[in-house]
């Protein structure tokens, strides 16, 4: 709030102060009829304290009128120590607004309005409600809670409460550090930027190191073993191909011996056996290479897939890997696709 506007309101309050020495207004503070003692803001407050608060209140009003806002706020605070009258809360809120303390001003406006318009009169009660609404648009309404017994919750290093419990109030907008700590538990930090007019609700959850630590693998346990198994299967297939290669070469050699060194052009079936053996041998070597690569890949995946300790983080994406054998044509190998 601008100082001019706040001062204007302060002067208006001074012109219509709820304090009066006139016995003709028995419901206003400063009078001494017996009915005054039954009012909720005067109940159990000795007359001596009421009188002392009244003197301090008048002195604070004079300071407020002369724009000595800090001194006025000190006097109002002293008066509240003797008598927590809504009118004192009201004028202290005006002084605090001029001192750029909107959070404290809001607290005292709420206290001023606690009993409705009667202790302030209708006009000033409406002023209080209007300025309270204006302040709320400039601050952030927060509600913090924590259920871990014994945890200490602080905001910007200042203690708010000891859990289990909660805190409801107004906070200046901007960056704030909300932390919950307890011996044997990991600290919970929910620091963030508060926005003007925002209504923010935060529940601080705490856990021990054991509770917050989970052991995760990069991929499912079966996946590296599946790669190893695929490599062994492909290598075994290469062995079968090598056996067929040997059979083709043996049949070819036997045919050559029978024909007594005849030309390959005269024996096309023998030429086909030789070609088949060559093709099978190349396929066997390729299978050995693919199987060996898959075995090496599987071994690396087994090493990388050892359980690792992680802090629980539900927003972290899952890790995954896709392994696809590539066989046929001019391409032989294993395609591994990793996602992090």
C-alpha atoms as a PDB file:
ATOM      1  CA  UNK A   1       0.000   0.000   0.000  1.00  0.00           C
ATOM      2  CA  UNK A   2       1.213   3.514  -0.752  1.00  0.00           C
ATOM      3  CA  UNK A   3       2.144   5.577   2.290  1.00  0.00           C
ATOM      4  CA  UNK A   4      -0.238   8.332   1.320  1.00  0.00           C
ATOM      5  CA  UNK A   5      -3.223   6.027   1.144  1.00  0.00           C
ATOM      6  CA  UNK A   6      -2.349   4.332   4.408  1.00  0.00           C
ATOM      7  CA  UNK A   7      -1.820   7.666   6.145  1.00  0.00           C
ATOM      8  CA  UNK A   8      -5.147   8.899   4.845  1.00  0.00           C
ATOM      9  CA  UNK A   9      -6.840   5.884   6.344  1.00  0.00           C
ATOM     10  CA  UNK A  10      -4.925   6.336   9.580  1.00  0.00           C
ATOM     11  CA  UNK A  11      -6.117   9.925   9.897  1.00  0.00           C
ATOM     12  CA  UNK A  12      -9.655   8.789   9.234  1.00  0.00           C
ATOM     13  CA  UNK A  13      -9.345   6.275  12.061  1.00  0.00           C
ATOM     14  CA  UNK A  14      -8.058   8.949  14.382  1.00  0.00           C
ATOM     15  CA  UNK A  15     -11.027  11.158  13.556  1.00  0.00           C
ATOM     16  CA  UNK A  16     -13.414   8.326  14.442  1.00  0.00           C
ATOM     17  CA  UNK A  17     -11.484   6.607  17.208  1.00  0.00           C
ATOM     18  CA  UNK A  18     -13.427   3.890  19.070  1.00  0.00           C
ATOM     19  CA  UNK A  19     -11.855   5.082  22.299  1.00  0.00           C
ATOM     20  CA  UNK A  20     -13.941   7.562  24.239  1.00  0.00           C
ATOM     21  CA  UNK A  21     -14.245   8.709  27.844  1.00  0.00           C
ATOM     22  CA  UNK A  22     -17.926   9.413  27.455  1.00  0.00           C
ATOM     23  CA  UNK A  23     -20.213   7.278  29.593  1.00  0.00           C
ATOM     24  CA  UNK A  24     -22.948   7.721  27.021  1.00  0.00           C
ATOM     25  CA  UNK A  25     -21.426   4.967  24.830  1.00  0.00           C
ATOM     26  CA  UNK A  26     -21.176   1.983  27.174  1.00  0.00           C
ATOM     27  CA  UNK A  27     -20.139  -0.556  24.493  1.00  0.00           C
ATOM     28  CA  UNK A  28     -16.988   1.316  23.534  1.00  0.00           C
ATOM     29  CA  UNK A  29     -13.653   0.861  25.307  1.00  0.00           C
ATOM     30  CA  UNK A  30     -12.622   3.432  27.841  1.00  0.00           C
ATOM     31  CA  UNK A  31     -15.960   3.453  29.639  1.00  0.00           C
ATOM     32  CA  UNK A  32     -16.535   1.823  32.981  1.00  0.00           C
ATOM     33  CA  UNK A  33     -20.078   0.420  33.121  1.00  0.00           C
ATOM     34  CA  UNK A  34     -20.319  -3.105  34.474  1.00  0.00           C
ATOM     35  CA  UNK A  35     -21.628  -4.372  31.111  1.00  0.00           C
ATOM     36  CA  UNK A  36     -18.198  -3.650  29.624  1.00  0.00           C
ATOM     37  CA  UNK A  37     -16.657  -6.523  31.582  1.00  0.00           C
ATOM     38  CA  UNK A  38     -18.933  -9.012  29.848  1.00  0.00           C
ATOM     39  CA  UNK A  39     -17.718  -8.114  26.364  1.00  0.00           C
ATOM     40  CA  UNK A  40     -15.430 -10.819  24.908  1.00  0.00           C
ATOM     41  CA  UNK A  41     -12.532  -8.427  24.259  1.00  0.00           C
ATOM     42  CA  UNK A  42     -12.714  -7.057  27.814  1.00  0.00           C
ATOM     43  CA  UNK A  43     -13.456 -10.226  29.766  1.00  0.00           C
ATOM     44  CA  UNK A  44     -10.843 -11.028  32.432  1.00  0.00           C
ATOM     45  CA  UNK A  45      -8.908  -7.821  31.668  1.00  0.00           C
ATOM     46  CA  UNK A  46      -8.383  -5.824  34.890  1.00  0.00           C
ATOM     47  CA  UNK A  47      -9.455  -2.196  34.825  1.00  0.00           C
ATOM     48  CA  UNK A  48      -5.872  -1.227  35.616  1.00  0.00           C
ATOM     49  CA  UNK A  49      -4.649  -2.858  32.407  1.00  0.00           C
ATOM     50  CA  UNK A  50      -7.456  -1.271  30.412  1.00  0.00           C
ATOM     51  CA  UNK A  51      -6.521   2.180  31.701  1.00  0.00           C
ATOM     52  CA  UNK A  52      -2.826   1.643  30.969  1.00  0.00           C
ATOM     53  CA  UNK A  53      -3.641   0.384  27.465  1.00  0.00           C
ATOM     54  CA  UNK A  54      -5.858   3.404  26.866  1.00  0.00           C
ATOM     55  CA  UNK A  55      -3.018   5.804  27.755  1.00  0.00           C
ATOM     56  CA  UNK A  56      -0.599   3.996  25.441  1.00  0.00           C
ATOM     57  CA  UNK A  57      -3.222   3.930  22.703  1.00  0.00           C
ATOM     58  CA  UNK A  58      -3.708   7.710  22.880  1.00  0.00           C
ATOM     59  CA  UNK A  59       0.048   8.272  22.764  1.00  0.00           C
ATOM     60  CA  UNK A  60       0.353   5.953  19.749  1.00  0.00           C
ATOM     61  CA  UNK A  61      -2.459   7.769  17.959  1.00  0.00           C
ATOM     62  CA  UNK A  62      -0.587  11.032  18.319  1.00  0.00           C
ATOM     63  CA  UNK A  63       2.559   9.469  16.895  1.00  0.00           C
ATOM     64  CA  UNK A  64       0.607   7.936  14.030  1.00  0.00           C
ATOM     65  CA  UNK A  65      -0.946  11.295  13.188  1.00  0.00           C
ATOM     66  CA  UNK A  66       2.533  12.824  12.994  1.00  0.00           C
ATOM     67  CA  UNK A  67       3.727   9.951  10.733  1.00  0.00           C
ATOM     68  CA  UNK A  68       6.060   8.458  13.346  1.00  0.00           C
ATOM     69  CA  UNK A  69       4.989   4.999  12.304  1.00  0.00           C
ATOM     70  CA  UNK A  70       7.716   2.949  13.972  1.00  0.00           C
ATOM     71  CA  UNK A  71       7.265   4.670  17.340  1.00  0.00           C
ATOM     72  CA  UNK A  72       3.491   4.381  16.992  1.00  0.00           C
ATOM     73  CA  UNK A  73       3.722   0.656  16.290  1.00  0.00           C
ATOM     74  CA  UNK A  74       5.861   0.193  19.396  1.00  0.00           C
ATOM     75  CA  UNK A  75       3.285   1.977  21.538  1.00  0.00           C
ATOM     76  CA  UNK A  76       0.418  -0.030  20.057  1.00  0.00           C
ATOM     77  CA  UNK A  77       2.373  -3.235  20.755  1.00  0.00           C
ATOM     78  CA  UNK A  78       2.846  -2.187  24.375  1.00  0.00           C
ATOM     79  CA  UNK A  79      -0.854  -1.452  24.623  1.00  0.00           C
ATOM     80  CA  UNK A  80      -1.720  -4.908  23.283  1.00  0.00           C
ATOM     81  CA  UNK A  81       0.381  -6.457  26.016  1.00  0.00           C
ATOM     82  CA  UNK A  82      -2.074  -4.939  28.512  1.00  0.00           C
ATOM     83  CA  UNK A  83      -5.317  -5.263  26.544  1.00  0.00           C
ATOM     84  CA  UNK A  84      -5.879  -7.068  23.253  1.00  0.00           C
ATOM     85  CA  UNK A  85      -8.622  -4.763  22.097  1.00  0.00           C
ATOM     86  CA  UNK A  86      -9.643  -4.923  18.399  1.00  0.00           C
ATOM     87  CA  UNK A  87      -9.157  -1.160  18.047  1.00  0.00           C
ATOM     88  CA  UNK A  88      -5.504  -1.457  19.035  1.00  0.00           C
ATOM     89  CA  UNK A  89      -4.996  -4.241  16.507  1.00  0.00           C
ATOM     90  CA  UNK A  90      -6.711  -2.057  13.898  1.00  0.00           C
ATOM     91  CA  UNK A  91      -4.534   1.031  14.332  1.00  0.00           C
ATOM     92  CA  UNK A  92      -1.383  -1.079  14.696  1.00  0.00           C
ATOM     93  CA  UNK A  93      -2.207  -2.606  11.304  1.00  0.00           C
ATOM     94  CA  UNK A  94      -2.295   0.894   9.809  1.00  0.00           C
ATOM     95  CA  UNK A  95       1.140   1.690  11.228  1.00  0.00           C
ATOM     96  CA  UNK A  96       2.550  -1.592   9.947  1.00  0.00           C
ATOM     97  CA  UNK A  97       1.209  -0.956   6.448  1.00  0.00           C
ATOM     98  CA  UNK A  98       3.158   2.307   6.419  1.00  0.00           C
ATOM     99  CA  UNK A  99       6.247   0.369   7.526  1.00  0.00           C
ATOM    100  CA  UNK A 100       5.863  -2.040   4.592  1.00  0.00           C
ATOM    101  CA  UNK A 101       4.992  -5.000   6.804  1.00  0.00           C
ATOM    102  CA  UNK A 102       1.939  -6.415   5.031  1.00  0.00           C
ATOM    103  CA  UNK A 103       2.136  -9.868   6.633  1.00  0.00           C
ATOM    104  CA  UNK A 104       2.053  -8.463  10.167  1.00  0.00           C
ATOM    105  CA  UNK A 105      -0.599  -5.903   9.141  1.00  0.00           C
ATOM    106  CA  UNK A 106      -2.797  -8.717   7.818  1.00  0.00           C
ATOM    107  CA  UNK A 107      -2.481 -10.606  11.115  1.00  0.00           C
ATOM    108  CA  UNK A 108      -3.609  -7.588  13.121  1.00  0.00           C
ATOM    109  CA  UNK A 109      -6.474  -6.837  10.736  1.00  0.00           C
ATOM    110  CA  UNK A 110      -7.715 -10.378  11.296  1.00  0.00           C
ATOM    111  CA  UNK A 111      -7.492  -9.840  15.056  1.00  0.00           C
ATOM    112  CA  UNK A 112      -9.294  -6.516  14.706  1.00  0.00           C
ATOM    113  CA  UNK A 113     -12.174  -8.205  12.863  1.00  0.00           C
ATOM    114  CA  UNK A 114     -12.386 -11.181  15.182  1.00  0.00           C
ATOM    115  CA  UNK A 115     -15.476  -9.955  17.051  1.00  0.00           C
ATOM    116  CA  UNK A 116     -17.249  -8.359  14.116  1.00  0.00           C
ATOM    117  CA  UNK A 117     -18.026  -4.647  13.700  1.00  0.00           C
ATOM    118  CA  UNK A 118     -19.155  -3.932  17.289  1.00  0.00           C
ATOM    119  CA  UNK A 119     -15.779  -3.019  18.854  1.00  0.00           C
ATOM    120  CA  UNK A 120     -14.721  -1.023  15.756  1.00  0.00           C
ATOM    121  CA  UNK A 121     -18.037   0.382  14.551  1.00  0.00           C
ATOM    122  CA  UNK A 122     -19.414  -0.538  11.154  1.00  0.00           C
ATOM    123  CA  UNK A 123     -17.463   2.012   9.116  1.00  0.00           C
ATOM    124  CA  UNK A 124     -14.026   1.037  10.395  1.00  0.00           C
ATOM    125  CA  UNK A 125     -14.921  -2.636  10.205  1.00  0.00           C
ATOM    126  CA  UNK A 126     -15.610  -2.193   6.480  1.00  0.00           C
ATOM    127  CA  UNK A 127     -12.303  -0.365   6.108  1.00  0.00           C
ATOM    128  CA  UNK A 128     -10.550  -3.291   7.787  1.00  0.00           C
ATOM    129  CA  UNK A 129     -12.228  -5.805   5.526  1.00  0.00           C
ATOM    130  CA  UNK A 130     -11.355  -3.789   2.398  1.00  0.00           C
ATOM    131  CA  UNK A 131      -7.701  -3.383   3.279  1.00  0.00           C
ATOM    132  CA  UNK A 132      -7.440  -7.003   4.372  1.00  0.00           C
ATOM    133  CA  UNK A 133      -8.710  -8.065   0.925  1.00  0.00           C
ATOM    134  CA  UNK A 134      -6.219  -5.735  -0.804  1.00  0.00           C
ATOM    135  CA  UNK A 135      -3.310  -7.107   1.201  1.00  0.00           C
ATOM    136  CA  UNK A 136      -4.338 -10.697   0.434  1.00  0.00           C
ATOM    137  CA  UNK A 137      -4.051  -9.976  -3.286  1.00  0.00           C
ATOM    138  CA  UNK A 138      -0.433  -8.966  -2.769  1.00  0.00           C
ATOM    139  CA  UNK A 139       0.560 -11.897  -0.541  1.00  0.00           C
ATOM    140  CA  UNK A 140       0.516 -15.688  -0.810  1.00  0.00           C
ATOM    141  CA  UNK A 141      -1.811 -17.671   1.442  1.00  0.00           C
ATOM    142  CA  UNK A 142      -0.009 -20.841   2.495  1.00  0.00           C
ATOM    143  CA  UNK A 143      -0.933 -23.995   4.344  1.00  0.00           C
ATOM    144  CA  UNK A 144       1.917 -26.281   5.313  1.00  0.00           C
ATOM    145  CA  UNK A 145       1.550 -29.641   7.044  1.00  0.00           C
ATOM    146  CA  UNK A 146       3.800 -32.477   8.189  1.00  0.00           C
ATOM    147  CA  UNK A 147       2.784 -35.725   9.914  1.00  0.00           C
ATOM    148  CA  UNK A 148       6.214 -36.990  10.985  1.00  0.00           C
ATOM    149  CA  UNK A 149       6.304 -36.711  14.809  1.00  0.00           C
ATOM    150  CA  UNK A 150       9.133 -34.533  16.050  1.00  0.00           C
ATOM    151  CA  UNK A 151      10.004 -33.022  12.674  1.00  0.00           C
ATOM    152  CA  UNK A 152      10.824 -29.305  12.781  1.00  0.00           C
ATOM    153  CA  UNK A 153       9.376 -27.310   9.894  1.00  0.00           C
ATOM    154  CA  UNK A 154      11.031 -24.002   9.030  1.00  0.00           C
ATOM    155  CA  UNK A 155      10.357 -21.299   6.470  1.00  0.00           C
ATOM    156  CA  UNK A 156      13.419 -19.324   5.390  1.00  0.00           C
ATOM    157  CA  UNK A 157      15.203 -20.635   8.481  1.00  0.00           C
ATOM    158  CA  UNK A 158      12.465 -19.529  10.903  1.00  0.00           C
ATOM    159  CA  UNK A 159      10.662 -22.316  12.828  1.00  0.00           C
ATOM    160  CA  UNK A 160       6.970 -22.687  12.002  1.00  0.00           C
ATOM    161  CA  UNK A 161       5.908 -25.736  14.026  1.00  0.00           C
ATOM    162  CA  UNK A 162       6.956 -29.137  15.300  1.00  0.00           C
ATOM    163  CA  UNK A 163       5.157 -32.011  13.599  1.00  0.00           C
ATOM    164  CA  UNK A 164       2.623 -33.429  13.587  1.00  0.00           C
ATOM    165  CA  UNK A 165       0.931 -30.162  12.813  1.00  0.00           C
ATOM    166  CA  UNK A 166       0.247 -27.532  10.221  1.00  0.00           C
ATOM    167  CA  UNK A 167       0.663 -23.825   9.593  1.00  0.00           C
ATOM    168  CA  UNK A 168      -1.739 -21.459   7.873  1.00  0.00           C
ATOM    169  CA  UNK A 169      -0.825 -17.862   7.130  1.00  0.00           C
ATOM    170  CA  UNK A 170       0.202 -15.195   4.668  1.00  0.00           C
ATOM    171  CA  UNK A 171       3.696 -14.926   3.169  1.00  0.00           C
ATOM    172  CA  UNK A 172       5.335 -12.349   0.965  1.00  0.00           C
ATOM    173  CA  UNK A 173       5.640 -13.499  -2.666  1.00  0.00           C
ATOM    174  CA  UNK A 174       9.058 -14.517  -3.938  1.00  0.00           C
ATOM    175  CA  UNK A 175      11.548 -17.343  -3.413  1.00  0.00           C
ATOM    176  CA  UNK A 176      11.173 -19.172  -0.101  1.00  0.00           C
ATOM    177  CA  UNK A 177      12.837 -22.183   1.488  1.00  0.00           C
ATOM    178  CA  UNK A 178      10.458 -24.599   3.230  1.00  0.00           C
ATOM    179  CA  UNK A 179      12.366 -27.358   5.023  1.00  0.00           C
ATOM    180  CA  UNK A 180      11.467 -30.182   7.399  1.00  0.00           C
ATOM    181  CA  UNK A 181      14.242 -31.803   9.459  1.00  0.00           C
ATOM    182  CA  UNK A 182      14.450 -34.593  12.017  1.00  0.00           C
ATOM    183  CA  UNK A 183      17.351 -36.614  13.350  1.00  0.00           C
ATOM    184  CA  UNK A 184      17.590 -39.934  11.552  1.00  0.00           C
ATOM    185  CA  UNK A 185      15.527 -38.679   8.602  1.00  0.00           C
ATOM    186  CA  UNK A 186      16.553 -37.153   5.321  1.00  0.00           C
ATOM    187  CA  UNK A 187      15.702 -33.430   5.214  1.00  0.00           C
ATOM    188  CA  UNK A 188      12.742 -32.501   3.049  1.00  0.00           C
ATOM    189  CA  UNK A 189      13.216 -29.329   1.024  1.00  0.00           C
ATOM    190  CA  UNK A 190      10.184 -27.971  -0.836  1.00  0.00           C
ATOM    191  CA  UNK A 191      11.664 -24.595  -1.757  1.00  0.00           C
ATOM    192  CA  UNK A 192       9.857 -22.712  -4.486  1.00  0.00           C
ATOM    193  CA  UNK A 193       8.683 -19.270  -5.603  1.00  0.00           C
ATOM    194  CA  UNK A 194       5.404 -18.022  -4.150  1.00  0.00           C
ATOM    195  CA  UNK A 195       3.187 -15.904  -6.399  1.00  0.00           C
ATOM    196  CA  UNK A 196       1.000 -12.927  -5.345  1.00  0.00           C
ATOM    197  CA  UNK A 197      -2.592 -13.945  -4.654  1.00  0.00           C
ATOM    198  CA  UNK A 198      -1.675 -17.643  -4.813  1.00  0.00           C
ATOM    199  CA  UNK A 199      -3.199 -20.145  -2.390  1.00  0.00           C
ATOM    200  CA  UNK A 200      -0.564 -22.786  -1.759  1.00  0.00           C
ATOM    201  CA  UNK A 201      -0.958 -26.091   0.088  1.00  0.00           C
ATOM    202  CA  UNK A 202       2.128 -28.243   0.716  1.00  0.00           C
ATOM    203  CA  UNK A 203       2.383 -31.500   2.658  1.00  0.00           C
ATOM    204  CA  UNK A 204       5.946 -32.336   3.686  1.00  0.00           C
ATOM    205  CA  UNK A 205       6.644 -36.070   3.640  1.00  0.00           C
ATOM    206  CA  UNK A 206       9.746 -37.422   5.373  1.00  0.00           C
ATOM    207  CA  UNK A 207      11.527 -40.770   5.307  1.00  0.00           C
ATOM    208  CA  UNK A 208      14.653 -42.406   6.639  1.00  0.00           C
ATOM    209  CA  UNK A 209      17.612 -43.241   4.412  1.00  0.00           C
ATOM    210  CA  UNK A 210      16.401 -46.841   4.207  1.00  0.00           C
ATOM    211  CA  UNK A 211      12.842 -45.836   3.360  1.00  0.00           C
ATOM    212  CA  UNK A 212      13.937 -43.370   0.684  1.00  0.00           C
ATOM    213  CA  UNK A 213      16.508 -45.682  -0.888  1.00  0.00           C
ATOM    214  CA  UNK A 214      15.399 -48.143  -3.538  1.00  0.00           C
ATOM    215  CA  UNK A 215      17.631 -50.467  -5.515  1.00  0.00           C
ATOM    216  CA  UNK A 216      16.949 -50.432  -9.214  1.00  0.00           C
ATOM    217  CA  UNK A 217      18.393 -52.129 -12.252  1.00  0.00           C
ATOM    218  CA  UNK A 218      18.697 -50.378 -15.566  1.00  0.00           C
ATOM    219  CA  UNK A 219      16.671 -53.089 -17.241  1.00  0.00           C
ATOM    220  CA  UNK A 220      14.678 -56.170 -16.204  1.00  0.00           C
ATOM    221  CA  UNK A 221      16.846 -59.014 -14.888  1.00  0.00           C
ATOM    222  CA  UNK A 222      15.946 -61.269 -17.809  1.00  0.00           C
ATOM    223  CA  UNK A 223      17.023 -58.830 -20.512  1.00  0.00           C
ATOM    224  CA  UNK A 224      20.870 -59.169 -20.355  1.00  0.00           C
ATOM    225  CA  UNK A 225      20.476 -62.912 -20.001  1.00  0.00           C
ATOM    226  CA  UNK A 226      18.232 -62.912 -23.053  1.00  0.00           C
ATOM    227  CA  UNK A 227      21.018 -61.196 -25.019  1.00  0.00           C
ATOM    228  CA  UNK A 228      23.531 -63.773 -23.745  1.00  0.00           C
ATOM    229  CA  UNK A 229      21.135 -66.565 -24.649  1.00  0.00           C
ATOM    230  CA  UNK A 230      20.596 -65.074 -28.105  1.00  0.00           C
ATOM    231  CA  UNK A 231      24.369 -64.945 -28.638  1.00  0.00           C
ATOM    232  CA  UNK A 232      24.770 -68.554 -27.584  1.00  0.00           C
ATOM    233  CA  UNK A 233      21.902 -69.614 -29.853  1.00  0.00           C
ATOM    234  CA  UNK A 234      23.367 -67.764 -32.841  1.00  0.00           C
ATOM    235  CA  UNK A 235      26.838 -69.206 -32.139  1.00  0.00           C
ATOM    236  CA  UNK A 236      25.309 -72.695 -31.879  1.00  0.00           C
ATOM    237  CA  UNK A 237      23.635 -72.067 -35.212  1.00  0.00           C
ATOM    238  CA  UNK A 238      27.046 -71.215 -36.596  1.00  0.00           C
ATOM    239  CA  UNK A 239      28.291 -74.571 -35.343  1.00  0.00           C
ATOM    240  CA  UNK A 240      25.496 -76.365 -37.201  1.00  0.00           C
ATOM    241  CA  UNK A 241      26.347 -74.405 -40.330  1.00  0.00           C
ATOM    242  CA  UNK A 242      30.008 -75.380 -39.906  1.00  0.00           C
ATOM    243  CA  UNK A 243      28.988 -79.043 -39.654  1.00  0.00           C
ATOM    244  CA  UNK A 244      26.958 -78.747 -42.861  1.00  0.00           C
ATOM    245  CA  UNK A 245      29.940 -77.026 -44.474  1.00  0.00           C
ATOM    246  CA  UNK A 246      32.196 -79.955 -43.595  1.00  0.00           C
ATOM    247  CA  UNK A 247      29.645 -82.419 -44.991  1.00  0.00           C
ATOM    248  CA  UNK A 248      29.432 -80.507 -48.295  1.00  0.00           C
ATOM    249  CA  UNK A 249      33.241 -80.354 -48.612  1.00  0.00           C
ATOM    250  CA  UNK A 250      33.562 -84.067 -47.776  1.00  0.00           C
ATOM    251  CA  UNK A 251      30.976 -85.007 -50.435  1.00  0.00           C
ATOM    252  CA  UNK A 252      32.743 -82.747 -52.928  1.00  0.00           C
ATOM    253  CA  UNK A 253      36.159 -84.319 -52.179  1.00  0.00           C
ATOM    254  CA  UNK A 254      34.743 -87.822 -52.539  1.00  0.00           C
ATOM    255  CA  UNK A 255      33.229 -86.918 -55.942  1.00  0.00           C
ATOM    256  CA  UNK A 256      36.569 -85.545 -57.155  1.00  0.00           C
ATOM    257  CA  UNK A 257      38.352 -88.752 -56.165  1.00  0.00           C
ATOM    258  CA  UNK A 258      35.772 -90.886 -57.977  1.00  0.00           C
ATOM    259  CA  UNK A 259      35.996 -88.993 -61.256  1.00  0.00           C
ATOM    260  CA  UNK A 260      39.804 -89.145 -61.182  1.00  0.00           C
ATOM    261  CA  UNK A 261      40.489 -85.447 -61.354  1.00  0.00           C
ATOM    262  CA  UNK A 262      37.817 -84.568 -63.906  1.00  0.00           C
ATOM    263  CA  UNK A 263      37.040 -80.977 -64.787  1.00  0.00           C
ATOM    264  CA  UNK A 264      34.449 -79.055 -62.733  1.00  0.00           C
ATOM    265  CA  UNK A 265      32.705 -78.134 -65.976  1.00  0.00           C
ATOM    266  CA  UNK A 266      32.060 -81.831 -66.577  1.00  0.00           C
ATOM    267  CA  UNK A 267      30.566 -82.274 -63.099  1.00  0.00           C
ATOM    268  CA  UNK A 268      28.129 -79.371 -62.385  1.00  0.00           C
ATOM    269  CA  UNK A 269      26.762 -81.222 -59.343  1.00  0.00           C
ATOM    270  CA  UNK A 270      30.226 -81.182 -57.778  1.00  0.00           C
ATOM    271  CA  UNK A 271      30.555 -77.476 -58.550  1.00  0.00           C
ATOM    272  CA  UNK A 272      27.232 -76.902 -56.768  1.00  0.00           C
ATOM    273  CA  UNK A 273      28.515 -78.798 -53.718  1.00  0.00           C
ATOM    274  CA  UNK A 274      31.614 -76.632 -53.619  1.00  0.00           C
ATOM    275  CA  UNK A 275      29.573 -73.437 -53.913  1.00  0.00           C
ATOM    276  CA  UNK A 276      27.176 -74.631 -51.196  1.00  0.00           C
ATOM    277  CA  UNK A 277      30.058 -75.421 -48.883  1.00  0.00           C
ATOM    278  CA  UNK A 278      31.591 -71.980 -49.441  1.00  0.00           C
ATOM    279  CA  UNK A 279      28.240 -70.267 -48.690  1.00  0.00           C
ATOM    280  CA  UNK A 280      27.667 -72.341 -45.569  1.00  0.00           C
ATOM    281  CA  UNK A 281      31.156 -71.556 -44.337  1.00  0.00           C
ATOM    282  CA  UNK A 282      30.615 -67.798 -44.776  1.00  0.00           C
ATOM    283  CA  UNK A 283      27.280 -68.086 -42.960  1.00  0.00           C
ATOM    284  CA  UNK A 284      28.937 -70.035 -40.139  1.00  0.00           C
ATOM    285  CA  UNK A 285      31.650 -67.395 -39.740  1.00  0.00           C
ATOM    286  CA  UNK A 286      28.983 -64.674 -39.740  1.00  0.00           C
ATOM    287  CA  UNK A 287      27.017 -66.542 -37.102  1.00  0.00           C
ATOM    288  CA  UNK A 288      30.150 -66.873 -34.972  1.00  0.00           C
ATOM    289  CA  UNK A 289      30.722 -63.120 -35.258  1.00  0.00           C
ATOM    290  CA  UNK A 290      27.116 -62.255 -34.422  1.00  0.00           C
ATOM    291  CA  UNK A 291      26.992 -64.729 -31.558  1.00  0.00           C
ATOM    292  CA  UNK A 292      30.277 -63.499 -30.145  1.00  0.00           C
ATOM    293  CA  UNK A 293      29.131 -59.869 -30.354  1.00  0.00           C
ATOM    294  CA  UNK A 294      25.862 -60.766 -28.626  1.00  0.00           C
ATOM    295  CA  UNK A 295      27.747 -62.615 -25.888  1.00  0.00           C
ATOM    296  CA  UNK A 296      30.021 -59.626 -25.307  1.00  0.00           C
ATOM    297  CA  UNK A 297      27.012 -57.277 -25.320  1.00  0.00           C
ATOM    298  CA  UNK A 298      25.178 -59.506 -22.860  1.00  0.00           C
ATOM    299  CA  UNK A 299      28.195 -59.612 -20.546  1.00  0.00           C
ATOM    300  CA  UNK A 300      28.433 -55.801 -20.608  1.00  0.00           C
ATOM    301  CA  UNK A 301      24.696 -55.512 -19.931  1.00  0.00           C
ATOM    302  CA  UNK A 302      25.022 -57.909 -16.979  1.00  0.00           C
ATOM    303  CA  UNK A 303      27.721 -55.678 -15.493  1.00  0.00           C
ATOM    304  CA  UNK A 304      25.739 -52.493 -16.112  1.00  0.00           C
ATOM    305  CA  UNK A 305      22.558 -54.090 -14.763  1.00  0.00           C
ATOM    306  CA  UNK A 306      23.829 -54.560 -11.230  1.00  0.00           C
ATOM    307  CA  UNK A 307      21.429 -53.079  -8.630  1.00  0.00           C
ATOM    308  CA  UNK A 308      22.133 -49.424  -7.921  1.00  0.00           C
ATOM    309  CA  UNK A 309      20.882 -47.342  -4.982  1.00  0.00           C
ATOM    310  CA  UNK A 310      18.530 -44.501  -5.970  1.00  0.00           C
ATOM    311  CA  UNK A 311      16.520 -41.905  -4.126  1.00  0.00           C
ATOM    312  CA  UNK A 312      12.814 -42.291  -4.817  1.00  0.00           C
ATOM    313  CA  UNK A 313      11.802 -39.958  -7.633  1.00  0.00           C
ATOM    314  CA  UNK A 314       8.374 -40.629  -9.207  1.00  0.00           C
ATOM    315  CA  UNK A 315       9.027 -38.096 -11.982  1.00  0.00           C
ATOM    316  CA  UNK A 316      12.086 -39.890 -13.280  1.00  0.00           C
ATOM    317  CA  UNK A 317      11.431 -41.750 -16.576  1.00  0.00           C
ATOM    318  CA  UNK A 318      12.050 -45.472 -16.737  1.00  0.00           C
ATOM    319  CA  UNK A 319      15.152 -46.859 -18.442  1.00  0.00           C
ATOM    320  CA  UNK A 320      14.678 -49.350 -21.249  1.00  0.00           C
ATOM    321  CA  UNK A 321      16.637 -51.224 -23.896  1.00  0.00           C
ATOM    322  CA  UNK A 322      15.466 -53.021 -27.027  1.00  0.00           C
ATOM    323  CA  UNK A 323      17.649 -55.789 -28.498  1.00  0.00           C
ATOM    324  CA  UNK A 324      16.818 -56.960 -32.043  1.00  0.00           C
ATOM    325  CA  UNK A 325      18.848 -59.588 -33.971  1.00  0.00           C
ATOM    326  CA  UNK A 326      19.529 -58.628 -37.597  1.00  0.00           C
ATOM    327  CA  UNK A 327      19.917 -61.682 -39.865  1.00  0.00           C
ATOM    328  CA  UNK A 328      19.557 -62.149 -43.586  1.00  0.00           C
ATOM    329  CA  UNK A 329      20.557 -60.364 -46.758  1.00  0.00           C
ATOM    330  CA  UNK A 330      23.762 -58.374 -46.521  1.00  0.00           C
ATOM    331  CA  UNK A 331      23.203 -57.397 -42.847  1.00  0.00           C
ATOM    332  CA  UNK A 332      24.116 -59.569 -39.882  1.00  0.00           C
ATOM    333  CA  UNK A 333      24.320 -58.325 -36.287  1.00  0.00           C
ATOM    334  CA  UNK A 334      22.447 -57.238 -33.213  1.00  0.00           C
ATOM    335  CA  UNK A 335      20.654 -53.880 -32.852  1.00  0.00           C
ATOM    336  CA  UNK A 336      20.493 -52.558 -29.286  1.00  0.00           C
ATOM    337  CA  UNK A 337      18.405 -49.429 -28.653  1.00  0.00           C
ATOM    338  CA  UNK A 338      18.823 -47.691 -25.268  1.00  0.00           C
ATOM    339  CA  UNK A 339      16.418 -45.139 -23.742  1.00  0.00           C
ATOM    340  CA  UNK A 340      17.433 -42.997 -20.773  1.00  0.00           C
END
